C-alpha atoms as a PDB file:
ATOM      1  CA  UNK A   1     -27.954  17.874  42.881  1.00  0.00           C
ATOM      2  CA  UNK A   2     -27.236  19.617  39.754  1.00  0.00           C
ATOM      3  CA  UNK A   3     -24.382  20.635  37.741  1.00  0.00           C
ATOM      4  CA  UNK A   4     -23.575  24.012  36.220  1.00  0.00           C
ATOM      5  CA  UNK A   5     -21.237  24.759  33.049  1.00  0.00           C
ATOM      6  CA  UNK A   6     -17.800  23.835  33.234  1.00  0.00           C
ATOM      7  CA  UNK A   7     -18.431  20.882  35.506  1.00  0.00           C
ATOM      8  CA  UNK A   8     -19.040  22.939  38.671  1.00  0.00           C
ATOM      9  CA  UNK A   9     -21.708  21.985  41.168  1.00  0.00           C
ATOM     10  CA  UNK A  10     -24.687  24.268  41.816  1.00  0.00           C
ATOM     11  CA  UNK A  11     -26.101  24.945  45.217  1.00  0.00           C
ATOM     12  CA  UNK A  12     -28.286  22.320  45.496  1.00  0.00           C
ATOM     13  CA  UNK A  13     -28.953  19.023  47.123  1.00  0.00           C
ATOM     14  CA  UNK A  14     -26.351  19.503  49.745  1.00  0.00           C
ATOM     15  CA  UNK A  15     -23.327  20.779  47.406  1.00  0.00           C
ATOM     16  CA  UNK A  16     -22.513  24.303  47.679  1.00  0.00           C
ATOM     17  CA  UNK A  17     -20.711  26.420  44.780  1.00  0.00           C
ATOM     18  CA  UNK A  18     -17.819  27.853  46.721  1.00  0.00           C
ATOM     19  CA  UNK A  19     -16.865  24.818  48.919  1.00  0.00           C
ATOM     20  CA  UNK A  20     -15.947  24.530  52.552  1.00  0.00           C
ATOM     21  CA  UNK A  21     -13.717  27.369  52.543  1.00  0.00           C
ATOM     22  CA  UNK A  22     -10.539  25.602  53.615  1.00  0.00           C
ATOM     23  CA  UNK A  23      -7.576  27.652  52.220  1.00  0.00           C
ATOM     24  CA  UNK A  24      -5.091  25.446  50.653  1.00  0.00           C
ATOM     25  CA  UNK A  25      -1.604  26.298  50.564  1.00  0.00           C
ATOM     26  CA  UNK A  26      -0.405  27.467  46.814  1.00  0.00           C
ATOM     27  CA  UNK A  27       2.287  24.946  46.509  1.00  0.00           C
ATOM     28  CA  UNK A  28      -0.291  22.045  47.320  1.00  0.00           C
ATOM     29  CA  UNK A  29      -2.771  23.598  44.889  1.00  0.00           C
ATOM     30  CA  UNK A  30      -0.084  23.660  42.326  1.00  0.00           C
ATOM     31  CA  UNK A  31       0.751  20.016  42.806  1.00  0.00           C
ATOM     32  CA  UNK A  32      -2.570  18.924  42.882  1.00  0.00           C
ATOM     33  CA  UNK A  33      -3.121  21.084  39.472  1.00  0.00           C
ATOM     34  CA  UNK A  34      -0.215  19.123  38.164  1.00  0.00           C
ATOM     35  CA  UNK A  35      -1.148  15.802  38.972  1.00  0.00           C
ATOM     36  CA  UNK A  36      -4.767  16.520  37.544  1.00  0.00           C
ATOM     37  CA  UNK A  37      -3.351  17.687  34.277  1.00  0.00           C
ATOM     38  CA  UNK A  38      -1.171  14.745  34.178  1.00  0.00           C
ATOM     39  CA  UNK A  39      -3.990  12.456  34.484  1.00  0.00           C
ATOM     40  CA  UNK A  40      -6.090  14.272  32.007  1.00  0.00           C
ATOM     41  CA  UNK A  41      -3.507  14.284  29.372  1.00  0.00           C
ATOM     42  CA  UNK A  42      -3.118  10.074  29.508  1.00  0.00           C
ATOM     43  CA  UNK A  43      -7.114   9.414  30.478  1.00  0.00           C
ATOM     44  CA  UNK A  44      -7.736   7.003  27.633  1.00  0.00           C
ATOM     45  CA  UNK A  45      -4.286   4.990  28.393  1.00  0.00           C
ATOM     46  CA  UNK A  46      -5.383   4.858  31.877  1.00  0.00           C
ATOM     47  CA  UNK A  47      -8.909   3.489  31.138  1.00  0.00           C
ATOM     48  CA  UNK A  48      -7.652   1.013  28.641  1.00  0.00           C
ATOM     49  CA  UNK A  49      -4.566  -0.198  30.314  1.00  0.00           C
ATOM     50  CA  UNK A  50      -4.406   0.526  33.842  1.00  0.00           C
ATOM     51  CA  UNK A  51      -7.800   0.506  35.203  1.00  0.00           C
ATOM     52  CA  UNK A  52      -8.321  -3.347  34.593  1.00  0.00           C
ATOM     53  CA  UNK A  53      -4.967  -3.956  36.758  1.00  0.00           C
ATOM     54  CA  UNK A  54      -6.101  -2.326  39.746  1.00  0.00           C
ATOM     55  CA  UNK A  55      -9.910  -2.590  39.696  1.00  0.00           C
ATOM     56  CA  UNK A  56      -9.811  -6.280  41.223  1.00  0.00           C
ATOM     57  CA  UNK A  57      -8.274  -4.639  44.294  1.00  0.00           C
ATOM     58  CA  UNK A  58     -10.685  -1.918  44.447  1.00  0.00           C
ATOM     59  CA  UNK A  59     -13.408  -4.681  44.352  1.00  0.00           C
ATOM     60  CA  UNK A  60     -12.051  -6.438  47.268  1.00  0.00           C
ATOM     61  CA  UNK A  61     -12.221  -3.282  49.315  1.00  0.00           C
ATOM     62  CA  UNK A  62     -16.077  -2.671  48.415  1.00  0.00           C
ATOM     63  CA  UNK A  63     -16.618  -6.305  49.388  1.00  0.00           C
ATOM     64  CA  UNK A  64     -15.865  -5.411  52.886  1.00  0.00           C
ATOM     65  CA  UNK A  65     -17.943  -2.156  53.374  1.00  0.00           C
ATOM     66  CA  UNK A  66     -21.234  -2.181  55.138  1.00  0.00           C
ATOM     67  CA  UNK A  67     -23.697  -1.513  52.343  1.00  0.00           C
ATOM     68  CA  UNK A  68     -27.028  -2.656  53.905  1.00  0.00           C
ATOM     69  CA  UNK A  69     -28.209   0.837  54.722  1.00  0.00           C
ATOM     70  CA  UNK A  70     -26.166   2.994  52.509  1.00  0.00           C
ATOM     71  CA  UNK A  71     -28.362   5.410  50.476  1.00  0.00           C
ATOM     72  CA  UNK A  72     -25.814   8.138  49.524  1.00  0.00           C
ATOM     73  CA  UNK A  73     -21.902   7.100  48.448  1.00  0.00           C
ATOM     74  CA  UNK A  74     -19.222   9.307  47.562  1.00  0.00           C
ATOM     75  CA  UNK A  75     -16.315   7.998  45.367  1.00  0.00           C
ATOM     76  CA  UNK A  76     -13.252  10.142  46.089  1.00  0.00           C
ATOM     77  CA  UNK A  77     -10.705  10.043  43.079  1.00  0.00           C
ATOM     78  CA  UNK A  78     -13.276   8.315  41.067  1.00  0.00           C
ATOM     79  CA  UNK A  79     -10.853   8.553  38.105  1.00  0.00           C
ATOM     80  CA  UNK A  80     -12.505   7.045  34.777  1.00  0.00           C
ATOM     81  CA  UNK A  81     -15.125   5.512  37.079  1.00  0.00           C
ATOM     82  CA  UNK A  82     -13.541   2.188  37.170  1.00  0.00           C
ATOM     83  CA  UNK A  83     -15.383   1.426  40.476  1.00  0.00           C
ATOM     84  CA  UNK A  84     -18.946   2.956  39.839  1.00  0.00           C
ATOM     85  CA  UNK A  85     -20.553  -0.181  38.399  1.00  0.00           C
ATOM     86  CA  UNK A  86     -19.095  -2.330  41.242  1.00  0.00           C
ATOM     87  CA  UNK A  87     -20.292   0.450  44.122  1.00  0.00           C
ATOM     88  CA  UNK A  88     -23.827   0.372  42.022  1.00  0.00           C
ATOM     89  CA  UNK A  89     -24.144  -3.628  42.160  1.00  0.00           C
ATOM     90  CA  UNK A  90     -23.551  -3.259  45.850  1.00  0.00           C
ATOM     91  CA  UNK A  91     -25.656  -0.373  46.451  1.00  0.00           C
ATOM     92  CA  UNK A  92     -28.263  -0.633  43.477  1.00  0.00           C
ATOM     93  CA  UNK A  93     -30.554   1.984  44.922  1.00  0.00           C
ATOM     94  CA  UNK A  94     -27.955   4.488  46.335  1.00  0.00           C
ATOM     95  CA  UNK A  95     -27.559   8.096  45.140  1.00  0.00           C
ATOM     96  CA  UNK A  96     -23.720   7.915  44.250  1.00  0.00           C
ATOM     97  CA  UNK A  97     -21.447  11.092  43.561  1.00  0.00           C
ATOM     98  CA  UNK A  98     -17.959  10.514  42.263  1.00  0.00           C
ATOM     99  CA  UNK A  99     -15.462  13.396  42.503  1.00  0.00           C
ATOM    100  CA  UNK A 100     -12.070  13.736  40.517  1.00  0.00           C
ATOM    101  CA  UNK A 101      -9.547  16.729  40.405  1.00  0.00           C
ATOM    102  CA  UNK A 102      -8.788  15.676  36.733  1.00  0.00           C
ATOM    103  CA  UNK A 103     -11.461  16.682  34.256  1.00  0.00           C
ATOM    104  CA  UNK A 104     -10.107  14.584  31.813  1.00  0.00           C
ATOM    105  CA  UNK A 105     -10.519  11.502  33.824  1.00  0.00           C
ATOM    106  CA  UNK A 106     -13.920  12.113  34.890  1.00  0.00           C
ATOM    107  CA  UNK A 107     -14.884  12.649  31.255  1.00  0.00           C
ATOM    108  CA  UNK A 108     -14.340   9.252  30.678  1.00  0.00           C
ATOM    109  CA  UNK A 109     -16.537   7.938  33.513  1.00  0.00           C
ATOM    110  CA  UNK A 110     -19.985   6.828  32.990  1.00  0.00           C
ATOM    111  CA  UNK A 111     -22.902   5.077  34.840  1.00  0.00           C
ATOM    112  CA  UNK A 112     -25.955   6.472  36.947  1.00  0.00           C
ATOM    113  CA  UNK A 113     -24.133   8.899  39.163  1.00  0.00           C
ATOM    114  CA  UNK A 114     -23.425  12.364  39.556  1.00  0.00           C
ATOM    115  CA  UNK A 115     -19.735  13.312  38.205  1.00  0.00           C
ATOM    116  CA  UNK A 116     -17.938  16.478  39.570  1.00  0.00           C
ATOM    117  CA  UNK A 117     -14.609  17.956  39.186  1.00  0.00           C
ATOM    118  CA  UNK A 118     -13.587  18.638  42.708  1.00  0.00           C
ATOM    119  CA  UNK A 119     -10.243  18.519  45.023  1.00  0.00           C
ATOM    120  CA  UNK A 120     -10.511  15.934  47.647  1.00  0.00           C
ATOM    121  CA  UNK A 121      -8.904  18.651  49.963  1.00  0.00           C
ATOM    122  CA  UNK A 122     -11.665  21.093  49.611  1.00  0.00           C
ATOM    123  CA  UNK A 123     -14.660  19.213  49.276  1.00  0.00           C
ATOM    124  CA  UNK A 124     -17.379  21.454  48.155  1.00  0.00           C
ATOM    125  CA  UNK A 125     -20.072  19.408  49.903  1.00  0.00           C
ATOM    126  CA  UNK A 126     -22.223  20.203  52.931  1.00  0.00           C
ATOM    127  CA  UNK A 127     -21.471  18.317  56.416  1.00  0.00           C
ATOM    128  CA  UNK A 128     -23.034  14.883  56.832  1.00  0.00           C
ATOM    129  CA  UNK A 129     -24.408  14.175  53.463  1.00  0.00           C
ATOM    130  CA  UNK A 130     -22.931  10.402  52.721  1.00  0.00           C
ATOM    131  CA  UNK A 131     -23.164   7.318  54.504  1.00  0.00           C
ATOM    132  CA  UNK A 132     -19.747   5.679  52.582  1.00  0.00           C
ATOM    133  CA  UNK A 133     -16.764   7.186  51.044  1.00  0.00           C
ATOM    134  CA  UNK A 134     -14.640   5.061  48.814  1.00  0.00           C
ATOM    135  CA  UNK A 135     -10.952   6.313  48.176  1.00  0.00           C
ATOM    136  CA  UNK A 136      -9.299   3.687  45.956  1.00  0.00           C
ATOM    137  CA  UNK A 137      -5.608   4.351  45.224  1.00  0.00           C
ATOM    138  CA  UNK A 138      -5.957   8.262  45.320  1.00  0.00           C
ATOM    139  CA  UNK A 139      -4.594   9.672  48.716  1.00  0.00           C
ATOM    140  CA  UNK A 140      -0.973   9.273  47.829  1.00  0.00           C
ATOM    141  CA  UNK A 141      -1.840  11.739  45.046  1.00  0.00           C
ATOM    142  CA  UNK A 142      -3.183  14.209  47.462  1.00  0.00           C
ATOM    143  CA  UNK A 143      -0.596  16.756  48.670  1.00  0.00           C
ATOM    144  CA  UNK A 144      -2.170  16.705  51.872  1.00  0.00           C
ATOM    145  CA  UNK A 145      -3.529  13.512  52.845  1.00  0.00           C
ATOM    146  CA  UNK A 146      -4.650  14.595  56.291  1.00  0.00           C
ATOM    147  CA  UNK A 147      -6.523  17.452  54.996  1.00  0.00           C
ATOM    148  CA  UNK A 148      -8.221  15.198  52.486  1.00  0.00           C
ATOM    149  CA  UNK A 149      -9.282  12.556  55.007  1.00  0.00           C
ATOM    150  CA  UNK A 150     -10.685  15.323  57.562  1.00  0.00           C
ATOM    151  CA  UNK A 151     -12.707  16.672  54.370  1.00  0.00           C
ATOM    152  CA  UNK A 152     -14.185  13.209  54.085  1.00  0.00           C
ATOM    153  CA  UNK A 153     -15.104  12.608  57.792  1.00  0.00           C
ATOM    154  CA  UNK A 154     -16.716  16.009  57.550  1.00  0.00           C
ATOM    155  CA  UNK A 155     -18.913  15.150  54.998  1.00  0.00           C
ATOM    156  CA  UNK A 156     -19.814  11.649  56.429  1.00  0.00           C
ATOM    157  CA  UNK A 157     -22.820  11.196  58.551  1.00  0.00           C
ATOM    158  CA  UNK A 158     -22.913  10.072  61.674  1.00  0.00           C
ATOM    159  CA  UNK A 159     -21.602   6.287  61.941  1.00  0.00           C
ATOM    160  CA  UNK A 160     -20.465   6.719  58.498  1.00  0.00           C
ATOM    161  CA  UNK A 161     -17.946   4.529  56.719  1.00  0.00           C
ATOM    162  CA  UNK A 162     -14.648   5.166  54.965  1.00  0.00           C
ATOM    163  CA  UNK A 163     -13.036   2.647  52.889  1.00  0.00           C
ATOM    164  CA  UNK A 164      -9.520   3.180  51.237  1.00  0.00           C
ATOM    165  CA  UNK A 165      -6.843   1.592  49.356  1.00  0.00           C
ATOM    166  CA  UNK A 166      -3.040   2.474  48.645  1.00  0.00           C
ATOM    167  CA  UNK A 167       0.139   0.974  47.746  1.00  0.00           C
ATOM    168  CA  UNK A 168       2.396  -0.769  50.215  1.00  0.00           C
ATOM    169  CA  UNK A 169       4.865  -1.753  47.388  1.00  0.00           C
ATOM    170  CA  UNK A 170       4.562   0.156  43.774  1.00  0.00           C
ATOM    171  CA  UNK A 171       3.522  -2.423  41.303  1.00  0.00           C
ATOM    172  CA  UNK A 172       6.501  -3.285  39.152  1.00  0.00           C
ATOM    173  CA  UNK A 173       7.648  -5.694  36.561  1.00  0.00           C
ATOM    174  CA  UNK A 174      11.345  -7.011  35.052  1.00  0.00           C
ATOM    175  CA  UNK A 175      10.008  -5.491  31.900  1.00  0.00           C
ATOM    176  CA  UNK A 176       9.759  -2.215  33.090  1.00  0.00           C
ATOM    177  CA  UNK A 177      13.158  -1.855  33.967  1.00  0.00           C
ATOM    178  CA  UNK A 178      14.037  -1.988  30.464  1.00  0.00           C
ATOM    179  CA  UNK A 179      11.711   0.838  29.587  1.00  0.00           C
ATOM    180  CA  UNK A 180      13.538   2.811  32.155  1.00  0.00           C
ATOM    181  CA  UNK A 181      17.036   2.105  31.058  1.00  0.00           C
ATOM    182  CA  UNK A 182      16.375   2.819  27.386  1.00  0.00           C
ATOM    183  CA  UNK A 183      14.333   6.183  28.108  1.00  0.00           C
ATOM    184  CA  UNK A 184      17.036   7.092  30.215  1.00  0.00           C
ATOM    185  CA  UNK A 185      19.770   6.152  27.582  1.00  0.00           C
ATOM    186  CA  UNK A 186      17.903   8.299  25.035  1.00  0.00           C
ATOM    187  CA  UNK A 187      17.713  11.421  27.144  1.00  0.00           C
ATOM    188  CA  UNK A 188      14.075  11.463  27.538  1.00  0.00           C
ATOM    189  CA  UNK A 189      12.982  13.352  30.375  1.00  0.00           C
ATOM    190  CA  UNK A 190       9.712  14.015  32.262  1.00  0.00           C
ATOM    191  CA  UNK A 191       8.538  17.580  31.749  1.00  0.00           C
ATOM    192  CA  UNK A 192       5.805  17.347  34.727  1.00  0.00           C
ATOM    193  CA  UNK A 193       6.856  15.198  37.233  1.00  0.00           C
ATOM    194  CA  UNK A 194       4.633  14.611  40.074  1.00  0.00           C
ATOM    195  CA  UNK A 195       5.190  14.164  43.631  1.00  0.00           C
ATOM    196  CA  UNK A 196       2.880  11.048  44.788  1.00  0.00           C
ATOM    197  CA  UNK A 197       3.383  11.157  48.570  1.00  0.00           C
ATOM    198  CA  UNK A 198       3.845   7.259  48.874  1.00  0.00           C
ATOM    199  CA  UNK A 199       5.931   7.441  51.984  1.00  0.00           C
ATOM    200  CA  UNK A 200       2.969   8.628  54.350  1.00  0.00           C
ATOM    201  CA  UNK A 201       0.752   5.946  53.454  1.00  0.00           C
ATOM    202  CA  UNK A 202       2.880   2.839  52.532  1.00  0.00           C
ATOM    203  CA  UNK A 203       2.417   0.761  55.625  1.00  0.00           C
ATOM    204  CA  UNK A 204      -0.704  -0.413  57.448  1.00  0.00           C
ATOM    205  CA  UNK A 205       0.280   1.370  60.585  1.00  0.00           C
ATOM    206  CA  UNK A 206       0.700   4.796  58.867  1.00  0.00           C
ATOM    207  CA  UNK A 207      -2.576   4.439  57.176  1.00  0.00           C
ATOM    208  CA  UNK A 208      -4.415   3.576  60.534  1.00  0.00           C
ATOM    209  CA  UNK A 209      -2.505   6.662  62.149  1.00  0.00           C
ATOM    210  CA  UNK A 210      -3.697   8.894  59.467  1.00  0.00           C
ATOM    211  CA  UNK A 211      -7.414   7.841  59.950  1.00  0.00           C
ATOM    212  CA  UNK A 212      -7.025   8.001  63.707  1.00  0.00           C
ATOM    213  CA  UNK A 213      -5.584  11.394  63.688  1.00  0.00           C
ATOM    214  CA  UNK A 214      -8.226  12.506  61.186  1.00  0.00           C
ATOM    215  CA  UNK A 215     -11.149  11.307  64.056  1.00  0.00           C
ATOM    216  CA  UNK A 216     -12.002   8.044  62.326  1.00  0.00           C
ATOM    217  CA  UNK A 217     -12.776   5.013  64.593  1.00  0.00           C
ATOM    218  CA  UNK A 218     -10.383   2.432  63.072  1.00  0.00           C
ATOM    219  CA  UNK A 219     -11.773  -0.872  61.994  1.00  0.00           C
ATOM    220  CA  UNK A 220      -9.944  -3.050  59.792  1.00  0.00           C
ATOM    221  CA  UNK A 221      -6.408  -2.807  57.910  1.00  0.00           C
ATOM    222  CA  UNK A 222      -5.200  -5.277  55.740  1.00  0.00           C
ATOM    223  CA  UNK A 223      -2.951  -6.294  52.616  1.00  0.00           C
ATOM    224  CA  UNK A 224      -4.031  -7.354  49.546  1.00  0.00           C
ATOM    225  CA  UNK A 225      -1.394  -8.753  46.910  1.00  0.00           C
ATOM    226  CA  UNK A 226      -1.552  -7.678  43.112  1.00  0.00           C
ATOM    227  CA  UNK A 227      -0.554 -10.234  40.369  1.00  0.00           C
ATOM    228  CA  UNK A 228      -1.471  -9.163  36.914  1.00  0.00           C
ATOM    229  CA  UNK A 229      -0.030 -11.025  33.679  1.00  0.00           C
ATOM    230  CA  UNK A 230       0.462  -8.648  30.841  1.00  0.00           C
ATOM    231  CA  UNK A 231       1.425  -9.380  27.315  1.00  0.00           C
ATOM    232  CA  UNK A 232       4.083  -7.545  25.490  1.00  0.00           C
ATOM    233  CA  UNK A 233       1.405  -5.176  23.471  1.00  0.00           C
ATOM    234  CA  UNK A 234      -0.761  -4.130  26.109  1.00  0.00           C
ATOM    235  CA  UNK A 235       2.367  -3.505  28.247  1.00  0.00           C
ATOM    236  CA  UNK A 236       3.663  -1.228  25.319  1.00  0.00           C
ATOM    237  CA  UNK A 237       0.128   0.084  25.310  1.00  0.00           C
ATOM    238  CA  UNK A 238       0.460   1.147  28.823  1.00  0.00           C
ATOM    239  CA  UNK A 239       4.124   2.643  28.619  1.00  0.00           C
ATOM    240  CA  UNK A 240       3.329   4.593  25.593  1.00  0.00           C
ATOM    241  CA  UNK A 241      -0.382   6.104  26.253  1.00  0.00           C
ATOM    242  CA  UNK A 242      -0.290   6.493  30.316  1.00  0.00           C
ATOM    243  CA  UNK A 243       1.993   8.106  33.001  1.00  0.00           C
ATOM    244  CA  UNK A 244       5.616   9.174  33.288  1.00  0.00           C
ATOM    245  CA  UNK A 245       6.717   6.886  30.313  1.00  0.00           C
ATOM    246  CA  UNK A 246       4.288   8.467  28.154  1.00  0.00           C
ATOM    247  CA  UNK A 247       5.554  12.320  28.925  1.00  0.00           C
ATOM    248  CA  UNK A 248       9.193  11.082  28.412  1.00  0.00           C
ATOM    249  CA  UNK A 249       8.729   9.660  25.255  1.00  0.00           C
ATOM    250  CA  UNK A 250       6.641  12.810  24.041  1.00  0.00           C
ATOM    251  CA  UNK A 251       9.835  14.792  24.896  1.00  0.00           C
ATOM    252  CA  UNK A 252      11.685  12.884  22.006  1.00  0.00           C
ATOM    253  CA  UNK A 253      11.839  14.079  18.094  1.00  0.00           C
ATOM    254  CA  UNK A 254      10.012  11.395  15.994  1.00  0.00           C
ATOM    255  CA  UNK A 255      13.639  10.102  14.813  1.00  0.00           C
ATOM    256  CA  UNK A 256      14.792   9.517  18.426  1.00  0.00           C
ATOM    257  CA  UNK A 257      11.524   8.123  19.740  1.00  0.00           C
ATOM    258  CA  UNK A 258      11.191   5.376  16.993  1.00  0.00           C
ATOM    259  CA  UNK A 259      14.850   4.450  17.806  1.00  0.00           C
ATOM    260  CA  UNK A 260      14.060   4.288  21.390  1.00  0.00           C
ATOM    261  CA  UNK A 261      10.831   1.915  20.800  1.00  0.00           C
ATOM    262  CA  UNK A 262      12.802  -0.093  18.376  1.00  0.00           C
ATOM    263  CA  UNK A 263      15.582  -0.842  20.934  1.00  0.00           C
ATOM    264  CA  UNK A 264      12.865  -1.629  23.652  1.00  0.00           C
ATOM    265  CA  UNK A 265      10.938  -3.990  21.332  1.00  0.00           C
ATOM    266  CA  UNK A 266      14.221  -5.906  20.684  1.00  0.00           C
ATOM    267  CA  UNK A 267      14.926  -6.317  24.060  1.00  0.00           C
ATOM    268  CA  UNK A 268      11.425  -7.126  25.005  1.00  0.00           C
ATOM    269  CA  UNK A 269      11.300  -9.834  22.490  1.00  0.00           C
ATOM    270  CA  UNK A 270      13.812 -12.029  24.771  1.00  0.00           C
ATOM    271  CA  UNK A 271      11.392 -11.715  27.804  1.00  0.00           C
ATOM    272  CA  UNK A 272       9.574 -14.717  29.244  1.00  0.00           C
ATOM    273  CA  UNK A 273       5.894 -14.352  30.075  1.00  0.00           C
ATOM    274  CA  UNK A 274       7.203 -14.339  33.808  1.00  0.00           C
ATOM    275  CA  UNK A 275       9.038 -11.182  33.106  1.00  0.00           C
ATOM    276  CA  UNK A 276       5.907  -9.548  32.325  1.00  0.00           C
ATOM    277  CA  UNK A 277       3.881 -10.249  35.619  1.00  0.00           C
ATOM    278  CA  UNK A 278       3.092  -7.174  37.676  1.00  0.00           C
ATOM    279  CA  UNK A 279       3.454  -7.548  41.171  1.00  0.00           C
ATOM    280  CA  UNK A 280       2.478  -5.295  44.205  1.00  0.00           C
ATOM    281  CA  UNK A 281       1.129  -4.980  47.637  1.00  0.00           C
ATOM    282  CA  UNK A 282      -1.844  -2.752  48.421  1.00  0.00           C
ATOM    283  CA  UNK A 283      -2.947  -1.551  51.900  1.00  0.00           C
ATOM    284  CA  UNK A 284      -7.039  -1.695  52.326  1.00  0.00           C
ATOM    285  CA  UNK A 285      -8.669   0.084  55.412  1.00  0.00           C
ATOM    286  CA  UNK A 286     -12.083   0.807  56.615  1.00  0.00           C
ATOM    287  CA  UNK A 287     -12.680   2.897  59.651  1.00  0.00           C
ATOM    288  CA  UNK A 288     -15.924   4.868  61.049  1.00  0.00           C
ATOM    289  CA  UNK A 289     -16.799   8.373  62.076  1.00  0.00           C
END
């Protein structure tokens, strides 16, 4: 497999230049592009602050997958490559391909893998190429989760395995409420809101139904709790450099931004460490072709 200019994949080793030929609705394409643009704009903040929070959950998923005979692995929504080194620790001789729609995110990824800018709903990959596909915290960002799972099934070999994680409960902290209140109070707004479809994948039953509807034989679905202790400087780094709060802050003029951050800092100085604990619940699932 080889890459051509601009992150495209040449027609070699199983990847095709034009993809599977599946026509994606224009609104879904626009939504997917907006999500990718948002993540590209805050890829550095994601890599530094958010990736360390969710990586342990991805690792727990990997621990459950059958690596003994996996020679080709697809990491769908690889992002900044948080799980690449973990995947290679389980399958050190395997050929790993990481794909993501966000070129800014994938530019941060490193490792002995092939990295490709590609949409999960229209994988430009020949059928039956991979033994394992991993989808860690990506499906709720895909406008059509069913289409993405159908594509994943198509590119997996017979008796292949898919492993995925998604959120049952969005991770939250009491400190986050302060940020939301102050940003709202100063008139900050999100110029590029993205509509992740959490509701379609926020229970084990829904995840199982989606996998079954895509033609997978459901293996195991389970819950994994998240608990992460922030400190104030790193939480501020997360909020100012990643996600919707970054986009909202960027709509303020310098004076208003500084005043807003000063109020947030003053309120956060009164918090205890327990107010900076991030808690959530993830759903993990594995299924076979």
